[in-house]
N, C-alpha and C. Protein backbone atom coordinates (compact mmCIF):
# COMPACT_ATOMS: atom_id res chain seq x y z
N UNK A 1 109.67 82.63 114.63
CA UNK A 1 109.53 83.17 113.06
C UNK A 1 110.60 82.61 112.28
N UNK A 2 110.14 82.08 111.13
CA UNK A 2 110.94 81.17 110.24
C UNK A 2 111.55 81.81 109.25
N UNK A 3 112.25 81.50 108.18
CA UNK A 3 112.90 82.15 107.52
C UNK A 3 111.86 82.84 106.09
N UNK A 4 110.99 81.92 106.08
CA UNK A 4 110.18 82.38 104.85
C UNK A 4 109.24 83.66 105.43
N UNK A 5 108.71 83.71 106.88
CA UNK A 5 108.02 84.86 107.52
C UNK A 5 109.12 86.03 107.30
N UNK A 6 110.38 85.80 107.69
CA UNK A 6 111.43 86.98 107.87
C UNK A 6 111.64 87.50 106.44
N UNK A 7 111.45 86.84 105.36
CA UNK A 7 111.61 87.09 103.93
C UNK A 7 110.29 88.09 103.63
N UNK A 8 109.10 87.55 103.91
CA UNK A 8 107.83 88.02 103.64
C UNK A 8 107.99 89.60 104.21
N UNK A 9 108.39 89.54 105.76
CA UNK A 9 108.38 90.85 106.13
C UNK A 9 109.29 92.00 105.71
N UNK A 10 110.64 91.43 105.32
CA UNK A 10 111.53 92.16 104.71
C UNK A 10 111.17 93.05 103.30
N UNK A 11 110.50 91.87 102.71
CA UNK A 11 109.73 92.27 101.20
C UNK A 11 108.73 93.46 101.55
N UNK A 12 107.83 93.26 102.48
CA UNK A 12 106.84 94.09 102.57
C UNK A 12 107.40 95.41 103.10
N UNK A 13 108.42 95.42 103.89
CA UNK A 13 109.08 96.68 104.43
C UNK A 13 109.89 97.46 103.62
N UNK A 14 110.59 96.72 102.63
CA UNK A 14 110.99 97.34 101.28
C UNK A 14 110.05 98.08 100.69
N UNK A 15 108.56 97.62 100.16
CA UNK A 15 107.79 98.11 99.30
C UNK A 15 107.19 99.16 100.23
N UNK A 16 107.07 99.29 101.62
CA UNK A 16 106.59 100.53 102.29
C UNK A 16 107.51 101.61 102.16
N UNK A 17 108.80 101.19 102.36
CA UNK A 17 110.04 102.22 102.20
C UNK A 17 109.80 102.85 100.67
N UNK A 18 109.50 102.28 99.63
CA UNK A 18 109.19 102.67 98.42
C UNK A 18 108.07 103.73 98.48
N UNK A 19 107.09 103.25 99.11
CA UNK A 19 105.60 104.24 99.20
C UNK A 19 106.07 105.35 100.04
N UNK A 20 106.80 105.15 101.11
CA UNK A 20 107.05 106.52 101.93
C UNK A 20 107.62 107.40 101.06
N UNK A 21 108.71 107.06 100.30
CA UNK A 21 109.52 107.73 99.59
C UNK A 21 108.82 108.33 98.42
N UNK A 22 107.77 107.95 98.09
CA UNK A 22 106.76 108.47 96.72
C UNK A 22 105.83 109.36 97.40
N UNK A 23 105.52 109.03 98.67
CA UNK A 23 104.69 110.09 99.39
C UNK A 23 105.11 111.23 99.84
N UNK A 24 106.49 111.29 100.33
CA UNK A 24 107.40 112.52 100.67
C UNK A 24 107.26 113.15 99.35
N UNK A 25 107.71 112.50 98.33
CA UNK A 25 108.14 113.09 96.94
C UNK A 25 106.96 114.21 96.55
N UNK A 26 105.77 113.31 96.90
CA UNK A 26 104.31 114.13 96.46
C UNK A 26 104.03 115.18 97.43
N UNK A 27 104.38 115.11 98.38
CA UNK A 27 104.14 116.15 99.30
C UNK A 27 105.00 117.14 99.22
N UNK A 28 106.29 117.04 99.15
CA UNK A 28 107.35 117.95 98.29
C UNK A 28 106.79 118.83 97.31
N UNK A 29 106.02 118.09 96.25
CA UNK A 29 105.59 118.57 95.11
C UNK A 29 104.24 119.60 95.25
N UNK A 30 103.44 119.00 96.25
CA UNK A 30 102.34 119.55 96.23
C UNK A 30 102.58 121.09 97.28
N UNK A 31 103.73 120.83 98.31
CA UNK A 31 104.12 121.97 98.92
C UNK A 31 104.53 123.04 97.96
N UNK A 32 105.46 122.73 96.85
CA UNK A 32 106.15 123.58 95.97
C UNK A 32 104.97 124.42 95.35
N UNK A 33 104.08 123.55 94.62
CA UNK A 33 102.89 124.10 93.78
C UNK A 33 102.02 124.86 94.51
N UNK A 34 101.95 124.72 96.07
CA UNK A 34 100.97 125.57 96.79
C UNK A 34 101.71 127.07 97.19
N UNK A 35 102.99 127.07 96.79
CA UNK A 35 103.65 128.17 97.04
C UNK A 35 103.84 129.19 95.61
N UNK A 36 103.34 128.40 94.82
CA UNK A 36 103.17 129.35 93.65
C UNK A 36 102.47 130.51 93.76
N UNK A 37 102.89 131.60 92.66
CA UNK A 37 102.37 132.74 92.51
C UNK A 37 100.83 132.68 92.58
N UNK A 38 100.09 131.90 91.66
CA UNK A 38 98.79 131.90 91.48
C UNK A 38 98.10 130.55 92.04
N UNK A 39 98.63 130.09 93.10
CA UNK A 39 98.34 128.49 93.56
C UNK A 39 96.92 128.84 94.32
N UNK A 40 96.10 127.92 94.07
CA UNK A 40 94.85 128.06 94.76
C UNK A 40 94.87 126.66 95.85
N UNK A 41 95.02 126.80 96.95
CA UNK A 41 95.07 125.73 97.99
C UNK A 41 94.01 124.56 97.90
N UNK A 42 92.74 125.12 97.48
CA UNK A 42 91.58 124.27 97.37
C UNK A 42 91.70 123.11 96.34
N UNK A 43 92.76 123.55 95.31
CA UNK A 43 92.97 122.25 94.22
C UNK A 43 93.77 121.22 94.69
N UNK A 44 94.25 121.28 96.14
CA UNK A 44 95.14 120.12 96.54
C UNK A 44 94.58 119.59 97.76
N UNK A 45 93.43 119.83 98.01
CA UNK A 45 92.83 119.28 99.06
C UNK A 45 92.60 117.88 99.16
N UNK A 46 92.12 117.18 97.83
CA UNK A 46 91.79 115.85 97.69
C UNK A 46 93.29 115.12 97.77
N UNK A 47 94.14 115.99 97.04
CA UNK A 47 95.76 115.09 97.04
C UNK A 47 96.04 115.04 98.54
N UNK A 48 96.15 115.93 99.05
CA UNK A 48 96.45 116.06 100.57
C UNK A 48 95.79 114.90 101.57
N UNK A 49 94.32 114.95 101.26
CA UNK A 49 93.72 114.01 102.25
C UNK A 49 94.05 112.61 101.78
N UNK A 50 94.06 112.34 100.45
CA UNK A 50 94.58 111.15 99.87
C UNK A 50 95.73 110.70 100.40
N UNK A 51 96.88 111.59 100.52
CA UNK A 51 98.11 111.22 101.28
C UNK A 51 98.14 111.05 102.82
N UNK A 52 97.14 111.74 103.58
CA UNK A 52 97.14 111.43 104.59
C UNK A 52 96.34 110.13 104.92
N UNK A 53 95.51 109.70 104.03
CA UNK A 53 95.05 108.22 104.37
C UNK A 53 96.22 107.09 103.90
N UNK A 54 96.94 107.41 103.07
CA UNK A 54 97.90 106.52 102.67
C UNK A 54 98.87 106.34 103.82
N UNK A 55 99.44 107.78 104.38
CA UNK A 55 100.03 107.59 105.48
C UNK A 55 99.82 107.13 106.74
N UNK A 56 98.34 107.10 106.97
CA UNK A 56 97.85 106.31 108.04
C UNK A 56 98.04 104.94 107.99
N UNK A 57 97.63 104.56 106.77
CA UNK A 57 97.53 103.22 106.24
C UNK A 57 99.05 102.64 106.51
N UNK A 58 99.94 103.11 106.17
CA UNK A 58 101.12 102.63 106.17
C UNK A 58 101.66 102.56 107.87
N UNK A 59 101.13 103.46 108.67
CA UNK A 59 101.60 103.68 110.08
C UNK A 59 100.75 102.28 110.54
N UNK A 60 99.68 102.00 110.08
CA UNK A 60 98.81 100.90 110.76
C UNK A 60 99.60 99.67 110.77
N UNK A 61 100.07 99.72 109.28
CA UNK A 61 100.74 98.17 108.76
C UNK A 61 102.05 98.00 109.31
N UNK A 62 102.81 99.36 109.63
CA UNK A 62 104.21 99.09 110.51
C UNK A 62 103.98 98.52 111.74
N UNK A 63 102.85 99.17 112.36
CA UNK A 63 102.54 98.58 113.88
C UNK A 63 102.15 97.35 113.83
N UNK A 64 101.47 96.72 112.98
CA UNK A 64 101.07 95.25 112.89
C UNK A 64 102.33 94.79 112.74
N UNK A 65 103.14 94.88 111.91
CA UNK A 65 104.46 94.24 111.91
C UNK A 65 105.37 94.36 113.18
N UNK A 66 105.45 95.49 113.79
CA UNK A 66 106.23 95.52 115.16
C UNK A 66 105.36 94.49 116.19
N UNK A 67 104.17 94.45 116.20
CA UNK A 67 103.48 93.82 116.96
C UNK A 67 103.86 91.97 116.72
N UNK A 68 103.68 91.91 115.35
CA UNK A 68 103.78 90.40 115.18
C UNK A 68 105.65 90.14 115.47
N UNK A 69 106.46 90.87 115.26
CA UNK A 69 108.17 90.69 115.35
C UNK A 69 108.18 90.58 116.94
N UNK A 70 107.16 91.64 118.03
CA UNK A 70 107.43 91.59 119.36
C UNK A 70 106.92 90.34 119.99
N UNK A 71 105.75 89.65 119.25
CA UNK A 71 105.33 88.40 119.91
C UNK A 71 106.48 87.27 119.71
N UNK A 72 107.35 87.29 118.99
CA UNK A 72 108.26 86.13 119.18
C UNK A 72 109.34 86.15 120.02
N UNK A 73 109.47 87.40 120.82
CA UNK A 73 110.39 87.84 121.79
C UNK A 73 110.02 87.09 123.13
């Protein structure tokens, strides 16, 4: 793996880290909102589904990076 590839991976991993922090923060906000006195959980179904799809996409991308890194060993 050359320097350019490593920089590309590092950049994307930093972006993934930002996405994960945003995802975590959004989940915290949804959790708090669902605990409110007059909360309707059905209101949050689409948000939760979207966040689960984003988490799955990030998981798959990280797995691809790990495979790529492990190929060079």
